[in-house]
Protein backbone atom coordinates (compact mmCIF):
# COMPACT_ATOMS: atom_id res chain seq x y z
CA MET A 1 -4.80 -80.10 21.41
CA LYS A 2 -2.33 -81.52 18.92
CA CYS A 3 1.40 -80.88 19.06
CA ARG A 4 1.44 -79.16 15.63
CA ARG A 5 -1.11 -76.61 16.76
CA LEU A 6 0.85 -75.92 19.93
CA GLU A 7 4.06 -75.41 17.94
CA ARG A 8 2.34 -72.72 15.86
CA LYS A 9 0.95 -70.92 18.90
CA ILE A 10 3.72 -71.33 21.47
CA LEU A 11 5.28 -67.89 20.94
CA MET A 12 1.89 -66.20 21.24
CA TYR A 13 1.39 -68.17 24.48
CA ILE A 14 4.74 -67.01 25.86
CA GLU A 15 4.00 -63.38 24.88
CA GLY A 16 0.48 -63.61 26.33
CA ASN A 17 -1.31 -62.88 23.06
CA LEU A 18 -3.95 -65.64 23.31
CA ASN A 19 -7.46 -65.66 24.69
CA VAL A 20 -8.24 -67.44 27.98
CA LYS A 21 -9.62 -70.61 26.36
CA GLU A 22 -6.52 -71.12 24.17
CA LYS A 23 -4.21 -70.43 27.13
CA GLU A 24 -5.94 -73.15 29.15
CA GLU A 25 -5.75 -75.66 26.27
CA ILE A 26 -2.02 -75.02 25.80
CA LYS A 27 -1.34 -75.19 29.56
CA LYS A 28 -3.16 -78.53 29.76
CA HIS A 29 -1.26 -79.89 26.74
CA LEU A 30 2.10 -78.74 28.18
CA ASP A 31 1.33 -80.61 31.42
CA GLU A 32 0.56 -83.81 29.48
CA CYS A 33 3.10 -83.78 26.61
CA VAL A 34 6.81 -84.09 27.46
CA SER A 35 8.14 -83.06 24.00
CA CYS A 36 5.98 -79.89 23.84
CA ASN A 37 6.95 -79.02 27.42
CA SER A 38 10.60 -79.41 26.41
CA LEU A 39 10.02 -77.12 23.41
CA TYR A 40 8.34 -74.56 25.69
CA ASN A 41 11.26 -74.62 28.13
CA ASP A 42 13.74 -74.24 25.23
CA PHE A 43 11.93 -71.11 24.04
CA LEU A 44 11.92 -69.68 27.57
CA LEU A 45 15.65 -70.38 27.91
CA ILE A 46 16.40 -68.70 24.57
CA LEU A 47 14.37 -65.64 25.49
CA GLU A 48 16.04 -65.33 28.90
CA ASN A 49 19.54 -65.67 27.45
CA SER A 50 18.83 -63.21 24.66
CA LYS A 51 17.97 -60.58 27.29
CA LYS A 52 21.42 -61.06 28.84
CA ILE A 53 23.25 -60.17 25.63
CA LYS A 54 24.76 -56.72 25.92
CA ILE A 55 24.50 -54.43 22.93
CA PRO A 56 27.89 -52.89 22.25
CA GLN A 57 28.04 -49.10 22.42
CA LEU A 58 29.91 -47.29 19.69
CA ASN A 59 32.48 -44.71 20.60
CA GLU A 60 31.23 -41.21 19.61
CA ASN A 61 34.56 -40.39 17.94
CA LEU A 62 34.39 -43.53 15.84
CA LEU A 63 30.79 -42.79 14.85
CA ASN A 64 31.67 -39.23 13.81
CA ALA A 65 34.72 -40.42 11.86
CA LEU A 66 32.55 -42.93 9.98
CA LYS A 67 30.03 -40.22 9.11
CA VAL A 68 32.78 -37.92 7.79
CA THR A 69 34.29 -40.73 5.71
CA ILE A 70 30.92 -41.60 4.22
CA GLU A 71 30.25 -37.97 3.30
CA LYS A 72 33.69 -37.63 1.66
CA ASN A 73 33.12 -40.75 -0.42
CA LYS A 74 29.71 -39.52 -1.57
CA ILE A 75 31.19 -36.27 -2.89
CA SER A 76 34.21 -37.86 -4.58
CA THR A 77 32.19 -40.49 -6.43
CA PHE A 78 30.15 -37.87 -8.28
CA SER A 79 33.00 -35.55 -9.28
CA LEU A 80 34.26 -35.72 -12.85
CA LYS A 81 37.93 -36.35 -13.19
CA PRO A 82 39.91 -34.56 -15.93
CA VAL A 83 41.01 -37.87 -17.45
CA TYR A 84 37.40 -38.91 -18.07
CA ILE A 85 36.62 -35.54 -19.64
CA ALA A 86 39.66 -35.78 -21.93
CA ILE A 87 38.76 -39.32 -23.03
CA SER A 88 35.17 -38.25 -23.73
CA ILE A 89 36.32 -35.32 -25.89
CA PHE A 90 38.76 -37.55 -27.80
CA VAL A 91 36.05 -40.14 -28.52
CA LEU A 92 33.63 -37.43 -29.63
CA VAL A 93 36.14 -35.83 -32.02
CA PHE A 94 37.31 -39.17 -33.41
CA SER A 95 33.77 -40.45 -34.01
CA THR A 96 32.77 -37.17 -35.68
CA ILE A 97 35.70 -37.38 -38.09
CA PHE A 98 35.13 -41.08 -38.73
CA PHE A 99 31.42 -40.72 -39.50
CA ALA A 100 31.98 -37.57 -41.55
CA ARG A 101 34.28 -39.52 -43.86
CA ILE A 102 31.67 -42.24 -44.29
CA TYR A 103 28.68 -40.02 -44.93
CA LEU A 104 30.30 -37.03 -46.67
CA PRO A 105 32.19 -38.25 -49.76
CA ASP A 106 35.07 -36.17 -51.07
CA SER A 107 34.03 -36.15 -54.73
CA LYS A 108 31.06 -34.47 -56.33
CA LYS A 109 27.97 -36.31 -57.39
CA VAL A 110 27.69 -36.52 -61.18
CA LEU A 111 24.24 -36.90 -62.71
CA PRO A 112 24.53 -36.76 -66.48
CA VAL A 113 21.16 -36.17 -68.08
CA SER A 114 20.52 -37.91 -71.34
CA THR A 115 17.56 -38.98 -73.41
CA GLY A 116 18.39 -42.64 -72.71
CA PRO A 117 18.57 -44.43 -69.39
CA VAL A 118 19.84 -42.34 -66.47
CA LYS A 119 23.36 -43.21 -65.32
CA ILE A 120 24.33 -42.34 -61.77
CA GLU A 121 27.92 -42.10 -60.67
CA ILE A 122 28.77 -41.51 -57.06
CA LEU A 123 32.33 -41.89 -55.92
CA ASN A 124 33.29 -42.98 -52.40
CA HIS A 125 29.74 -43.70 -51.36
CA GLU A 126 27.33 -46.59 -51.49
CA LEU A 127 23.59 -46.20 -51.87
CA PRO A 128 21.23 -48.43 -49.94
CA PHE A 129 19.84 -49.62 -53.29
CA SER A 130 21.39 -50.43 -56.65
CA GLU A 131 21.77 -48.20 -59.68
CA ASP A 132 19.65 -50.62 -61.70
CA VAL A 133 16.71 -50.17 -59.34
CA ILE A 134 16.88 -46.38 -59.67
CA ILE A 135 17.12 -46.60 -63.45
CA LYS A 136 14.21 -49.05 -63.64
CA TYR A 137 11.87 -46.69 -61.83
CA ALA A 138 13.29 -43.51 -63.41
CA ASN A 139 12.43 -44.76 -66.90
CA TYR A 140 8.70 -44.71 -65.98
CA MET A 141 8.78 -41.16 -64.61
CA GLU A 142 8.84 -37.70 -66.12
CA GLU A 143 12.20 -35.93 -66.17
CA GLU A 144 11.14 -33.35 -63.55
CA GLU A 145 9.96 -36.11 -61.21
CA VAL A 146 13.25 -37.98 -61.65
CA GLU A 147 15.21 -34.83 -60.76
CA LYS A 148 13.11 -34.36 -57.61
CA VAL A 149 13.63 -37.97 -56.54
CA LEU A 150 17.38 -37.82 -57.19
CA ASP A 151 17.67 -34.50 -55.34
CA PHE A 152 15.86 -36.08 -52.41
CA ILE A 153 18.14 -39.15 -52.47
CA PHE A 154 21.32 -37.11 -52.67
CA ALA A 155 20.23 -34.62 -50.04
CA GLY A 156 20.82 -37.30 -47.36
CA LEU A 157 24.31 -38.16 -48.60
């Protein structure tokens, strides 16, 4: 048996999880190889010393106090504080007023109808396309169709 193979199987040997043939091979190798025998003895020493380590026992009062503290922290982390509610309401009101000023202009929309090109005047608001583009396409349409398109455009303003 090679040392590498023994190193992989040494814990199974110590725990007794090998078949008889493998146990005999490892025992023979341990008798012949000084370094593997040293490794085996080191593992045995570690296992013996680890059994001597005492597990500390927690005081029942301390354990109960920790449980109570954990439960208190769970409840307090999910409660809404009045300051957060007030800030949320302020932000909501401010953003509503701000966006209302952007999307709802103060002045009326004026759409003078003439036999020539259509002129569109909208105060305090910008369209996502230019007046020239609207006029270009409106000149190719019937007057009723132009009114429908313009009504549709201005309905979103």
